C-alpha atoms as a PDB file:
ATOM      1  CA  MET A   1       0.000   0.000   0.000  1.00  0.00           C
ATOM      2  CA  ASP A   2       1.277   3.446  -0.965  1.00  0.00           C
ATOM      3  CA  GLY A   3       2.057   5.486   2.126  1.00  0.00           C
ATOM      4  CA  ASN A   4       0.865   8.632   0.280  1.00  0.00           C
ATOM      5  CA  GLN A   5      -2.697   7.313   0.492  1.00  0.00           C
ATOM      6  CA  PHE A   6      -3.160   9.081   3.816  1.00  0.00           C
ATOM      7  CA  THR A   7      -2.248  12.603   2.724  1.00  0.00           C
ATOM      8  CA  GLY A   8      -4.981  15.217   2.482  1.00  0.00           C
ATOM      9  CA  LEU A   9      -8.731  14.892   2.833  1.00  0.00           C
ATOM     10  CA  LYS A  10     -10.794  13.018   0.344  1.00  0.00           C
ATOM     11  CA  ARG A  11     -14.532  13.379   0.036  1.00  0.00           C
ATOM     12  CA  ILE A  12     -16.531  10.963  -2.038  1.00  0.00           C
ATOM     13  CA  VAL A  13     -20.181  11.097  -3.005  1.00  0.00           C
ATOM     14  CA  ARG A  14     -21.476   8.088  -4.880  1.00  0.00           C
ATOM     15  CA  LEU A  15     -24.918   6.885  -5.853  1.00  0.00           C
ATOM     16  CA  THR A  16     -25.374   3.189  -6.468  1.00  0.00           C
ATOM     17  CA  THR A  17     -28.483   1.683  -8.055  1.00  0.00           C
ATOM     18  CA  ALA A  18     -29.233  -1.877  -8.986  1.00  0.00           C
ATOM     19  CA  THR A  19     -30.110  -2.851 -12.528  1.00  0.00           C
ATOM     20  CA  ALA A  20     -32.526  -5.509 -11.345  1.00  0.00           C
ATOM     21  CA  LEU A  21     -36.302  -4.921 -11.546  1.00  0.00           C
ATOM     22  CA  ALA A  22     -37.724  -3.183  -8.478  1.00  0.00           C
ATOM     23  CA  VAL A  23     -39.927  -5.394  -6.343  1.00  0.00           C
ATOM     24  CA  SER A  24     -43.109  -4.026  -4.845  1.00  0.00           C
ATOM     25  CA  LEU A  25     -42.602  -2.564  -1.387  1.00  0.00           C
ATOM     26  CA  ALA A  26     -45.739  -4.384  -0.350  1.00  0.00           C
ATOM     27  CA  ALA A  27     -43.681  -7.553  -0.366  1.00  0.00           C
ATOM     28  CA  CYS A  28     -41.796  -6.466   2.742  1.00  0.00           C
ATOM     29  CA  GLY A  29     -43.244  -6.258   6.180  1.00  0.00           C
ATOM     30  CA  GLY A  30     -43.200  -9.880   7.293  1.00  0.00           C
ATOM     31  CA  GLN A  31     -40.803 -10.965  10.004  1.00  0.00           C
ATOM     32  CA  GLY A  32     -37.995 -13.207   8.846  1.00  0.00           C
ATOM     33  CA  ASN A  33     -34.727 -14.674   9.960  1.00  0.00           C
ATOM     34  CA  GLY A  34     -32.450 -11.955   8.527  1.00  0.00           C
ATOM     35  CA  SER A  35     -30.976 -14.412   6.040  1.00  0.00           C
ATOM     36  CA  GLY A  36     -30.243 -11.709   3.471  1.00  0.00           C
ATOM     37  CA  ASN A  37     -33.305 -12.080   1.184  1.00  0.00           C
ATOM     38  CA  ALA A  38     -33.536  -8.414   0.321  1.00  0.00           C
ATOM     39  CA  SER A  39     -36.350  -8.279  -2.257  1.00  0.00           C
ATOM     40  CA  GLY A  40     -38.374  -5.907  -0.084  1.00  0.00           C
ATOM     41  CA  ALA A  41     -35.471  -3.452   0.078  1.00  0.00           C
ATOM     42  CA  SER A  42     -35.857  -2.361  -3.548  1.00  0.00           C
ATOM     43  CA  ALA A  43     -36.471   1.368  -4.044  1.00  0.00           C
ATOM     44  CA  LYS A  44     -35.092   2.074  -0.571  1.00  0.00           C
ATOM     45  CA  SER A  45     -32.117   4.335   0.141  1.00  0.00           C
ATOM     46  CA  VAL A  46     -29.194   4.146   2.554  1.00  0.00           C
ATOM     47  CA  GLY A  47     -26.749   6.862   3.557  1.00  0.00           C
ATOM     48  CA  VAL A  48     -23.230   5.980   4.656  1.00  0.00           C
ATOM     49  CA  GLN A  49     -20.782   8.135   6.624  1.00  0.00           C
ATOM     50  CA  MET A  50     -17.396   6.416   6.490  1.00  0.00           C
ATOM     51  CA  CYS A  51     -13.650   6.933   6.433  1.00  0.00           C
ATOM     52  CA  ALA A  52     -12.055   7.904   3.116  1.00  0.00           C
ATOM     53  CA  GLU A  53     -11.168   5.569   0.276  1.00  0.00           C
ATOM     54  CA  SER A  54      -7.608   6.911   0.440  1.00  0.00           C
ATOM     55  CA  ASN A  55      -7.343   4.301   3.215  1.00  0.00           C
ATOM     56  CA  ALA A  56      -7.346   0.857   1.586  1.00  0.00           C
ATOM     57  CA  TRP A  57      -9.317  -0.748   4.447  1.00  0.00           C
ATOM     58  CA  CYS A  58     -12.040   1.889   4.194  1.00  0.00           C
ATOM     59  CA  ALA A  59     -12.104   1.594   0.401  1.00  0.00           C
ATOM     60  CA  ALA A  60     -12.570  -2.173   0.606  1.00  0.00           C
ATOM     61  CA  TRP A  61     -15.335  -1.807   3.218  1.00  0.00           C
ATOM     62  CA  ILE A  62     -17.224   0.702   1.074  1.00  0.00           C
ATOM     63  CA  LYS A  63     -16.853  -1.412  -2.062  1.00  0.00           C
ATOM     64  CA  ALA A  64     -18.157  -4.548  -0.348  1.00  0.00           C
ATOM     65  CA  PHE A  65     -21.064  -2.717   1.305  1.00  0.00           C
ATOM     66  CA  GLU A  66     -22.106  -1.012  -1.924  1.00  0.00           C
ATOM     67  CA  ALA A  67     -22.026  -4.340  -3.743  1.00  0.00           C
ATOM     68  CA  GLU A  68     -24.452  -5.836  -1.223  1.00  0.00           C
ATOM     69  CA  MET A  69     -26.775  -2.838  -1.463  1.00  0.00           C
ATOM     70  CA  SER A  70     -26.644  -2.751  -5.262  1.00  0.00           C
ATOM     71  CA  ALA A  71     -27.525  -6.431  -5.487  1.00  0.00           C
ATOM     72  CA  ALA A  72     -30.609  -5.706  -3.359  1.00  0.00           C
ATOM     73  CA  GLY A  73     -31.702  -2.704  -5.422  1.00  0.00           C
ATOM     74  CA  VAL A  74     -30.874  -0.190  -2.699  1.00  0.00           C
ATOM     75  CA  LYS A  75     -29.684   3.296  -3.624  1.00  0.00           C
ATOM     76  CA  THR A  76     -26.607   4.204  -1.595  1.00  0.00           C
ATOM     77  CA  THR A  77     -25.044   7.609  -0.936  1.00  0.00           C
ATOM     78  CA  VAL A  78     -21.549   7.571   0.591  1.00  0.00           C
ATOM     79  CA  LEU A  79     -19.836  10.575   2.182  1.00  0.00           C
ATOM     80  CA  THR A  80     -16.322  10.170   3.561  1.00  0.00           C
ATOM     81  CA  SER A  81     -13.540  11.964   5.416  1.00  0.00           C
ATOM     82  CA  ASN A  82      -9.996  11.141   6.439  1.00  0.00           C
ATOM     83  CA  PHE A  83     -10.880  10.325  10.090  1.00  0.00           C
ATOM     84  CA  ASN A  84     -12.194  13.859  10.679  1.00  0.00           C
ATOM     85  CA  GLN A  85     -15.256  13.815  12.939  1.00  0.00           C
ATOM     86  CA  ALA A  86     -16.076  17.493  12.374  1.00  0.00           C
ATOM     87  CA  GLU A  87     -16.430  16.747   8.672  1.00  0.00           C
ATOM     88  CA  ASP A  88     -18.226  13.490   9.462  1.00  0.00           C
ATOM     89  CA  ASN A  89     -20.815  15.417  11.476  1.00  0.00           C
ATOM     90  CA  GLN A  90     -21.448  17.668   8.480  1.00  0.00           C
ATOM     91  CA  HIS A  91     -21.855  14.587   6.331  1.00  0.00           C
ATOM     92  CA  ILE A  92     -24.340  13.057   8.755  1.00  0.00           C
ATOM     93  CA  SER A  93     -26.431  16.224   8.528  1.00  0.00           C
ATOM     94  CA  GLN A  94     -26.238  16.191   4.720  1.00  0.00           C
ATOM     95  CA  LEU A  95     -27.282  12.562   4.609  1.00  0.00           C
ATOM     96  CA  VAL A  96     -30.175  13.117   7.032  1.00  0.00           C
ATOM     97  CA  ALA A  97     -31.427  15.881   4.737  1.00  0.00           C
ATOM     98  CA  LYS A  98     -31.771  13.265   1.985  1.00  0.00           C
ATOM     99  CA  LYS A  99     -34.158  11.307   4.263  1.00  0.00           C
ATOM    100  CA  PRO A 100     -32.587   7.863   3.836  1.00  0.00           C
ATOM    101  CA  ASP A 101     -34.387   4.781   5.131  1.00  0.00           C
ATOM    102  CA  VAL A 102     -31.222   3.870   7.080  1.00  0.00           C
ATOM    103  CA  LEU A 103     -28.084   5.856   7.911  1.00  0.00           C
ATOM    104  CA  VAL A 104     -24.885   3.861   8.503  1.00  0.00           C
ATOM    105  CA  MET A 105     -22.170   5.573  10.547  1.00  0.00           C
ATOM    106  CA  GLY A 106     -18.509   4.739  11.154  1.00  0.00           C
ATOM    107  CA  ALA A 107     -17.486   7.394  13.675  1.00  0.00           C
ATOM    108  CA  ALA A 108     -13.927   8.709  13.771  1.00  0.00           C
ATOM    109  CA  ASP A 109     -14.520  10.037  17.298  1.00  0.00           C
ATOM    110  CA  GLY A 110     -17.446   8.608  19.238  1.00  0.00           C
ATOM    111  CA  ASN A 111     -17.762  11.452  21.757  1.00  0.00           C
ATOM    112  CA  ALA A 112     -17.544  14.176  19.113  1.00  0.00           C
ATOM    113  CA  ALA A 113     -20.207  12.360  17.083  1.00  0.00           C
ATOM    114  CA  ILE A 114     -22.848  12.610  19.823  1.00  0.00           C
ATOM    115  CA  PRO A 115     -24.525  15.888  18.711  1.00  0.00           C
ATOM    116  CA  ALA A 116     -24.847  14.746  15.094  1.00  0.00           C
ATOM    117  CA  ILE A 117     -26.238  11.369  16.147  1.00  0.00           C
ATOM    118  CA  GLU A 118     -28.804  12.985  18.425  1.00  0.00           C
ATOM    119  CA  ARG A 119     -29.937  15.335  15.650  1.00  0.00           C
ATOM    120  CA  ALA A 120     -30.230  12.435  13.216  1.00  0.00           C
ATOM    121  CA  ALA A 121     -32.286  10.428  15.683  1.00  0.00           C
ATOM    122  CA  ALA A 122     -34.554  13.422  16.338  1.00  0.00           C
ATOM    123  CA  ALA A 123     -35.183  13.568  12.589  1.00  0.00           C
ATOM    124  CA  GLY A 124     -36.521  10.022  12.759  1.00  0.00           C
ATOM    125  CA  VAL A 125     -33.724   8.337  10.800  1.00  0.00           C
ATOM    126  CA  LYS A 126     -32.867   4.720  11.597  1.00  0.00           C
ATOM    127  CA  LEU A 127     -29.192   4.658  12.603  1.00  0.00           C
ATOM    128  CA  VAL A 128     -26.737   1.772  12.311  1.00  0.00           C
ATOM    129  CA  ASN A 129     -23.333   2.149  13.956  1.00  0.00           C
ATOM    130  CA  VAL A 130     -20.491   0.103  12.449  1.00  0.00           C
ATOM    131  CA  VAL A 131     -16.930  -0.980  13.302  1.00  0.00           C
ATOM    132  CA  GLY A 132     -16.320   0.774  16.642  1.00  0.00           C
ATOM    133  CA  PRO A 133     -18.278   1.488  19.835  1.00  0.00           C
ATOM    134  CA  LEU A 134     -20.336   4.599  20.527  1.00  0.00           C
ATOM    135  CA  PRO A 135     -21.002   6.127  23.961  1.00  0.00           C
ATOM    136  CA  GLU A 136     -23.820   4.766  26.105  1.00  0.00           C
ATOM    137  CA  VAL A 137     -25.674   8.095  25.964  1.00  0.00           C
ATOM    138  CA  VAL A 138     -26.570   7.555  22.278  1.00  0.00           C
ATOM    139  CA  GLN A 139     -27.373   3.852  22.421  1.00  0.00           C
ATOM    140  CA  LYS A 140     -31.082   4.688  22.786  1.00  0.00           C
ATOM    141  CA  ASP A 141     -30.867   6.536  19.457  1.00  0.00           C
ATOM    142  CA  LEU A 142     -29.381   3.614  17.544  1.00  0.00           C
ATOM    143  CA  THR A 143     -31.344   0.998  15.655  1.00  0.00           C
ATOM    144  CA  ALA A 144     -28.368  -1.371  15.610  1.00  0.00           C
ATOM    145  CA  ASN A 145     -24.638  -1.765  16.251  1.00  0.00           C
ATOM    146  CA  VAL A 146     -22.579  -4.035  13.965  1.00  0.00           C
ATOM    147  CA  ARG A 147     -19.124  -3.919  15.468  1.00  0.00           C
ATOM    148  CA  SER A 148     -15.720  -5.428  15.014  1.00  0.00           C
ATOM    149  CA  ASP A 149     -14.667  -7.473  18.036  1.00  0.00           C
ATOM    150  CA  ASN A 150     -11.929  -4.967  18.748  1.00  0.00           C
ATOM    151  CA  PRO A 151     -11.124  -6.201  22.275  1.00  0.00           C
ATOM    152  CA  SER A 152     -10.340  -9.638  20.830  1.00  0.00           C
ATOM    153  CA  LEU A 153      -8.116  -8.103  18.156  1.00  0.00           C
ATOM    154  CA  GLY A 154      -6.132  -6.335  20.881  1.00  0.00           C
ATOM    155  CA  LYS A 155      -6.003  -9.519  22.937  1.00  0.00           C
ATOM    156  CA  PHE A 156      -4.724 -11.507  19.946  1.00  0.00           C
ATOM    157  CA  ALA A 157      -1.987  -8.922  19.329  1.00  0.00           C
ATOM    158  CA  ALA A 158      -0.815  -9.201  22.932  1.00  0.00           C
ATOM    159  CA  GLN A 159      -0.903 -12.996  22.839  1.00  0.00           C
ATOM    160  CA  ASN A 160       1.117 -13.062  19.624  1.00  0.00           C
ATOM    161  CA  LEU A 161       3.604 -10.531  20.986  1.00  0.00           C
ATOM    162  CA  VAL A 162       4.172 -12.423  24.235  1.00  0.00           C
ATOM    163  CA  ALA A 163       4.512 -15.718  22.354  1.00  0.00           C
ATOM    164  CA  GLY A 164       7.089 -14.169  20.037  1.00  0.00           C
ATOM    165  CA  LEU A 165       9.066 -12.607  22.874  1.00  0.00           C
ATOM    166  CA  LYS A 166       9.143 -15.896  24.759  1.00  0.00           C
ATOM    167  CA  GLN A 167      10.149 -17.816  21.640  1.00  0.00           C
ATOM    168  CA  ALA A 168      12.958 -15.324  21.084  1.00  0.00           C
ATOM    169  CA  GLY A 169      14.186 -16.039  24.602  1.00  0.00           C
ATOM    170  CA  TYR A 170      13.394 -12.690  26.215  1.00  0.00           C
ATOM    171  CA  ALA A 171      12.773 -13.042  29.952  1.00  0.00           C
ATOM    172  CA  ALA A 172      11.861  -9.338  29.997  1.00  0.00           C
ATOM    173  CA  GLY A 173      11.624  -6.562  27.452  1.00  0.00           C
ATOM    174  CA  ASN A 174      10.429  -3.154  26.330  1.00  0.00           C
ATOM    175  CA  VAL A 175       7.357  -2.880  24.101  1.00  0.00           C
ATOM    176  CA  VAL A 176       6.130   0.110  22.094  1.00  0.00           C
ATOM    177  CA  VAL A 177       2.687   0.648  20.562  1.00  0.00           C
ATOM    178  CA  LEU A 178       2.161   2.493  17.276  1.00  0.00           C
ATOM    179  CA  GLN A 179      -1.574   3.015  17.103  1.00  0.00           C
ATOM    180  CA  GLY A 180      -4.167   4.250  14.657  1.00  0.00           C
ATOM    181  CA  THR A 181      -5.858   7.603  15.219  1.00  0.00           C
ATOM    182  CA  GLN A 182      -6.010   8.016  18.987  1.00  0.00           C
ATOM    183  CA  SER A 183      -9.510   9.518  19.097  1.00  0.00           C
ATOM    184  CA  SER A 184     -10.982   6.568  17.200  1.00  0.00           C
ATOM    185  CA  PRO A 185     -13.298   4.411  19.346  1.00  0.00           C
ATOM    186  CA  THR A 186     -12.058   1.395  17.389  1.00  0.00           C
ATOM    187  CA  VAL A 187      -8.453   2.123  18.376  1.00  0.00           C
ATOM    188  CA  GLN A 188      -9.355   2.792  21.997  1.00  0.00           C
ATOM    189  CA  GLU A 189     -11.279  -0.453  22.308  1.00  0.00           C
ATOM    190  CA  THR A 190      -8.526  -2.469  20.610  1.00  0.00           C
ATOM    191  CA  LEU A 191      -5.836  -0.989  22.854  1.00  0.00           C
ATOM    192  CA  ASP A 192      -7.936  -1.733  25.918  1.00  0.00           C
ATOM    193  CA  GLY A 193      -7.953  -5.408  24.945  1.00  0.00           C
ATOM    194  CA  PHE A 194      -4.199  -5.253  24.323  1.00  0.00           C
ATOM    195  CA  ARG A 195      -3.426  -3.659  27.689  1.00  0.00           C
ATOM    196  CA  LYS A 196      -5.551  -6.121  29.619  1.00  0.00           C
ATOM    197  CA  GLU A 197      -3.845  -9.123  28.032  1.00  0.00           C
ATOM    198  CA  MET A 198      -0.356  -7.651  28.398  1.00  0.00           C
ATOM    199  CA  ALA A 199      -1.039  -7.170  32.126  1.00  0.00           C
ATOM    200  CA  ASN A 200      -0.787 -10.954  32.419  1.00  0.00           C
ATOM    201  CA  SER A 201       2.880 -10.715  31.385  1.00  0.00           C
ATOM    202  CA  PRO A 202       4.280  -7.776  33.394  1.00  0.00           C
ATOM    203  CA  GLU A 203       7.833  -8.773  32.544  1.00  0.00           C
ATOM    204  CA  TYR A 204       7.177  -7.154  29.157  1.00  0.00           C
ATOM    205  CA  LYS A 205       6.760  -3.433  29.823  1.00  0.00           C
ATOM    206  CA  ILE A 206       4.858  -1.103  27.499  1.00  0.00           C
ATOM    207  CA  VAL A 207       7.147   1.938  27.479  1.00  0.00           C
ATOM    208  CA  SER A 208       5.476   4.119  24.837  1.00  0.00           C
ATOM    209  CA  PHE A 209       2.160   4.660  23.033  1.00  0.00           C
ATOM    210  CA  GLN A 210       2.393   6.752  19.871  1.00  0.00           C
ATOM    211  CA  ASP A 211      -0.413   7.996  17.597  1.00  0.00           C
ATOM    212  CA  ALA A 212       0.643   6.993  14.084  1.00  0.00           C
ATOM    213  CA  GLN A 213      -2.759   7.943  12.619  1.00  0.00           C
ATOM    214  CA  TRP A 214      -3.070   4.769  10.502  1.00  0.00           C
ATOM    215  CA  ASP A 215      -0.191   6.102   8.383  1.00  0.00           C
ATOM    216  CA  PRO A 216       2.607   3.673   7.402  1.00  0.00           C
ATOM    217  CA  GLN A 217       5.125   6.477   6.799  1.00  0.00           C
ATOM    218  CA  LYS A 218       4.407   8.083  10.158  1.00  0.00           C
ATOM    219  CA  THR A 219       4.627   4.631  11.749  1.00  0.00           C
ATOM    220  CA  GLN A 220       8.067   4.135  10.232  1.00  0.00           C
ATOM    221  CA  GLN A 221       9.252   7.545  11.458  1.00  0.00           C
ATOM    222  CA  LEU A 222       7.978   6.979  14.989  1.00  0.00           C
ATOM    223  CA  ALA A 223       9.457   3.486  15.126  1.00  0.00           C
ATOM    224  CA  ALA A 224      12.843   4.834  14.029  1.00  0.00           C
ATOM    225  CA  GLN A 225      12.719   7.528  16.717  1.00  0.00           C
ATOM    226  CA  LEU A 226      11.780   5.041  19.447  1.00  0.00           C
ATOM    227  CA  LEU A 227      14.461   2.559  18.419  1.00  0.00           C
ATOM    228  CA  ALA A 228      17.048   5.323  18.677  1.00  0.00           C
ATOM    229  CA  GLU A 229      15.658   6.673  21.944  1.00  0.00           C
ATOM    230  CA  TYR A 230      15.674   3.298  23.701  1.00  0.00           C
ATOM    231  CA  ASN A 231      18.939   2.066  22.273  1.00  0.00           C
ATOM    232  CA  ALA A 232      20.689   3.060  25.518  1.00  0.00           C
ATOM    233  CA  LYS A 233      17.709   2.068  27.712  1.00  0.00           C
ATOM    234  CA  GLY A 234      17.718  -1.653  27.131  1.00  0.00           C
ATOM    235  CA  GLY A 235      16.462  -1.464  23.548  1.00  0.00           C
ATOM    236  CA  ILE A 236      13.050  -2.245  22.065  1.00  0.00           C
ATOM    237  CA  GLN A 237      12.184  -5.948  21.989  1.00  0.00           C
ATOM    238  CA  GLY A 238       8.551  -5.744  20.828  1.00  0.00           C
ATOM    239  CA  ILE A 239       6.482  -3.495  18.554  1.00  0.00           C
ATOM    240  CA  TYR A 240       2.704  -3.538  18.172  1.00  0.00           C
ATOM    241  CA  ALA A 241       1.347  -1.585  15.186  1.00  0.00           C
ATOM    242  CA  ASN A 242      -2.430  -1.616  14.719  1.00  0.00           C
ATOM    243  CA  ALA A 243      -2.506  -2.644  11.053  1.00  0.00           C
ATOM    244  CA  ASP A 244      -0.300  -4.829   8.855  1.00  0.00           C
ATOM    245  CA  TYR A 245       0.537  -1.882   6.584  1.00  0.00           C
ATOM    246  CA  MET A 246       1.666   0.042   9.682  1.00  0.00           C
ATOM    247  CA  ALA A 247       3.688  -2.955  10.836  1.00  0.00           C
ATOM    248  CA  ALA A 248       5.372  -2.922   7.424  1.00  0.00           C
ATOM    249  CA  GLY A 249       6.545   0.629   8.192  1.00  0.00           C
ATOM    250  CA  ALA A 250       7.846  -0.437  11.591  1.00  0.00           C
ATOM    251  CA  ILE A 251       9.669  -3.365  10.008  1.00  0.00           C
ATOM    252  CA  ARG A 252      11.377  -1.012   7.563  1.00  0.00           C
ATOM    253  CA  ALA A 253      12.524   1.127  10.500  1.00  0.00           C
ATOM    254  CA  VAL A 254      13.963  -1.899  12.301  1.00  0.00           C
ATOM    255  CA  LYS A 255      15.892  -2.902   9.185  1.00  0.00           C
ATOM    256  CA  GLN A 256      17.198   0.625   8.646  1.00  0.00           C
ATOM    257  CA  ALA A 257      18.398   0.657  12.259  1.00  0.00           C
ATOM    258  CA  GLY A 258      20.424  -2.441  11.477  1.00  0.00           C
ATOM    259  CA  LYS A 259      18.540  -4.620  13.934  1.00  0.00           C
ATOM    260  CA  PRO A 260      17.410  -8.214  13.288  1.00  0.00           C
ATOM    261  CA  LEU A 261      13.740  -9.200  13.067  1.00  0.00           C
ATOM    262  CA  GLY A 262      11.738 -12.161  14.263  1.00  0.00           C
ATOM    263  CA  ALA A 263      11.813 -14.813  16.951  1.00  0.00           C
ATOM    264  CA  SER A 264      14.429 -16.943  15.212  1.00  0.00           C
ATOM    265  CA  ALA A 265      17.016 -14.156  15.004  1.00  0.00           C
ATOM    266  CA  LYS A 266      19.446 -13.385  17.818  1.00  0.00           C
ATOM    267  CA  ASP A 267      18.238 -10.230  19.555  1.00  0.00           C
ATOM    268  CA  GLY A 268      15.403 -10.054  17.016  1.00  0.00           C
ATOM    269  CA  VAL A 269      12.662  -7.435  17.356  1.00  0.00           C
ATOM    270  CA  ILE A 270       9.194  -8.991  17.494  1.00  0.00           C
ATOM    271  CA  VAL A 271       6.596  -7.086  15.443  1.00  0.00           C
ATOM    272  CA  VAL A 272       2.855  -7.801  15.566  1.00  0.00           C
ATOM    273  CA  ALA A 273      -0.336  -6.202  14.241  1.00  0.00           C
ATOM    274  CA  SER A 274      -4.059  -6.799  14.655  1.00  0.00           C
ATOM    275  CA  ASN A 275      -5.752  -5.539  11.461  1.00  0.00           C
ATOM    276  CA  CYS A 276      -4.647  -7.602   8.498  1.00  0.00           C
ATOM    277  CA  SER A 277      -4.000  -6.151   5.046  1.00  0.00           C
ATOM    278  CA  ALA A 278      -2.342  -7.183   1.795  1.00  0.00           C
ATOM    279  CA  GLU A 279       1.168  -6.756   3.224  1.00  0.00           C
ATOM    280  CA  GLY A 280       0.559  -9.175   6.059  1.00  0.00           C
ATOM    281  CA  PRO A 281       0.670 -12.680   4.542  1.00  0.00           C
ATOM    282  CA  ALA A 282       4.109 -12.243   2.946  1.00  0.00           C
ATOM    283  CA  LEU A 283       5.537 -10.657   6.100  1.00  0.00           C
ATOM    284  CA  LEU A 284       4.136 -13.503   8.203  1.00  0.00           C
ATOM    285  CA  ARG A 285       5.593 -16.153   5.928  1.00  0.00           C
ATOM    286  CA  SER A 286       9.004 -14.459   6.064  1.00  0.00           C
ATOM    287  CA  GLY A 287       8.909 -14.306   9.864  1.00  0.00           C
ATOM    288  CA  GLU A 288       9.334 -10.526   9.910  1.00  0.00           C
ATOM    289  CA  LEU A 289       5.768 -10.151  11.213  1.00  0.00           C
ATOM    290  CA  TYR A 290       5.037 -12.559  14.050  1.00  0.00           C
ATOM    291  CA  GLY A 291       1.241 -12.335  14.134  1.00  0.00           C
ATOM    292  CA  THR A 292      -1.853 -10.308  13.308  1.00  0.00           C
ATOM    293  CA  GLY A 293      -5.673 -10.525  13.365  1.00  0.00           C
ATOM    294  CA  THR A 294      -8.445 -10.514  10.805  1.00  0.00           C
ATOM    295  CA  SER A 295     -10.592  -7.343  10.945  1.00  0.00           C
ATOM    296  CA  ALA A 296     -11.249  -8.021   7.241  1.00  0.00           C
ATOM    297  CA  PRO A 297     -13.194  -5.146   5.622  1.00  0.00           C
ATOM    298  CA  SER A 298     -15.259  -7.327   3.272  1.00  0.00           C
ATOM    299  CA  THR A 299     -16.409  -9.517   6.161  1.00  0.00           C
ATOM    300  CA  GLU A 300     -17.242  -6.486   8.301  1.00  0.00           C
ATOM    301  CA  ALA A 301     -19.128  -4.739   5.497  1.00  0.00           C
ATOM    302  CA  LYS A 302     -21.198  -7.811   4.630  1.00  0.00           C
ATOM    303  CA  ALA A 303     -22.177  -8.219   8.272  1.00  0.00           C
ATOM    304  CA  ALA A 304     -23.341  -4.592   8.353  1.00  0.00           C
ATOM    305  CA  ALA A 305     -25.181  -4.993   5.056  1.00  0.00           C
ATOM    306  CA  LYS A 306     -27.053  -8.031   6.356  1.00  0.00           C
ATOM    307  CA  VAL A 307     -28.407  -6.049   9.305  1.00  0.00           C
ATOM    308  CA  VAL A 308     -29.273  -3.035   7.135  1.00  0.00           C
ATOM    309  CA  LEU A 309     -31.184  -5.209   4.677  1.00  0.00           C
ATOM    310  CA  SER A 310     -33.023  -6.886   7.529  1.00  0.00           C
ATOM    311  CA  ILE A 311     -34.101  -3.447   8.774  1.00  0.00           C
ATOM    312  CA  LEU A 312     -35.230  -2.420   5.289  1.00  0.00           C
ATOM    313  CA  ASN A 313     -37.155  -5.669   4.847  1.00  0.00           C
ATOM    314  CA  GLY A 314     -38.847  -5.548   8.216  1.00  0.00           C
ATOM    315  CA  GLN A 315     -37.027  -8.692   9.262  1.00  0.00           C
ATOM    316  CA  GLN A 316     -35.679  -9.604  12.656  1.00  0.00           C
ATOM    317  CA  PHE A 317     -32.131  -8.583  13.564  1.00  0.00           C
ATOM    318  CA  GLU A 318     -29.918  -8.283  16.626  1.00  0.00           C
ATOM    319  CA  LYS A 319     -29.508  -4.760  17.949  1.00  0.00           C
ATOM    320  CA  ASN A 320     -25.920  -5.552  18.978  1.00  0.00           C
ATOM    321  CA  SER A 321     -23.792  -7.911  16.932  1.00  0.00           C
ATOM    322  CA  PHE A 322     -20.061  -8.521  16.704  1.00  0.00           C
ATOM    323  CA  VAL A 323     -18.045  -9.779  13.766  1.00  0.00           C
ATOM    324  CA  LYS A 324     -16.037 -12.818  14.781  1.00  0.00           C
ATOM    325  CA  GLU A 325     -12.317 -12.125  14.589  1.00  0.00           C
ATOM    326  CA  GLU A 326      -9.461 -14.609  14.273  1.00  0.00           C
ATOM    327  CA  LYS A 327      -5.859 -14.647  15.425  1.00  0.00           C
ATOM    328  CA  ILE A 328      -3.403 -15.080  12.545  1.00  0.00           C
ATOM    329  CA  THR A 329       0.125 -16.487  12.773  1.00  0.00           C
ATOM    330  CA  ARG A 330       2.612 -17.937  10.355  1.00  0.00           C
ATOM    331  CA  SER A 331       1.092 -21.391  10.907  1.00  0.00           C
ATOM    332  CA  ASN A 332      -2.432 -20.484   9.725  1.00  0.00           C
ATOM    333  CA  VAL A 333      -1.885 -17.480   7.453  1.00  0.00           C
ATOM    334  CA  ASP A 334      -2.984 -19.378   4.325  1.00  0.00           C
ATOM    335  CA  GLU A 335      -6.485 -19.740   5.794  1.00  0.00           C
ATOM    336  CA  PHE A 336      -6.938 -15.969   5.868  1.00  0.00           C
ATOM    337  CA  ALA A 337      -4.812 -14.723   2.983  1.00  0.00           C
ATOM    338  CA  ASP A 338      -7.851 -14.079   0.755  1.00  0.00           C
ATOM    339  CA  VAL A 339      -9.780 -11.906   3.227  1.00  0.00           C
ATOM    340  CA  CYS A 340      -6.616  -9.976   4.089  1.00  0.00           C
ATOM    341  CA  THR A 341      -5.780  -9.175   0.456  1.00  0.00           C
ATOM    342  CA  PHE A 342      -7.441  -5.887  -0.500  1.00  0.00           C
END
């Protein structure tokens, strides 16, 4: 992935319509099992507030979600920002003005999103929150939450990191965290899971958290700075970067510092992630990345689409659902290579 993908703001407005014949709206209204039969959703509209397509994960999520809506005959309007909640709030207002049947929201900052969510709910729009958590105060306003299991992703990262450090023979060590955008509820929830699991192995001390803003170039710069800073303080034995493409930046920094990588190398730095991407499988197979997690955008988007279509069809759905996540290591990477390639 090109590191320049994160520069600047990108705003996208797209309308998607299906080419299939519209089915009478009278067909919907019966309760069902939410299996994805979306015939009753034809002629309906959905608004989506999401992160920008300049981020490959966000682009893949949008593409997969739009495909599901298009196949069901649902018109979709997508407005995006580069993790900027002030702009997201404007987009929510713009989407509400279009009076969609459902509004899907992926907040960049859950607390800052509260006023926009409350206004949308007051306008009578059905709201579906995706990916990360939103504050309890707005849960009454939401029709559904379809969330990544972020605590498990953080837990998996910690488990992989500890396993790698032990395999490398470290009885103790310094760990640094290079995270996605700090204000993101997704990041906060993932890091909470990471911290809790790392607390079970206090011999490995987390010495620094740095906001790398989901940017591989910034991740590389921060990793280089931390490696230099701790060179005379016992060194850095472990690095956790939220996404595989960020881990790739950290790995480049380790190489440029002239340090070995992986559990099989003497004094090797152990690098892990928790959100897989196209870079991950090759890095796992080489041993430069010790482990990661799924958080696959196509899987997440299809789960959200299933709930949205159930709402449109008048079918039953769970108000709170979580996408099942998986821990990925070198031993099972081939099972997940397809969903991580986007």
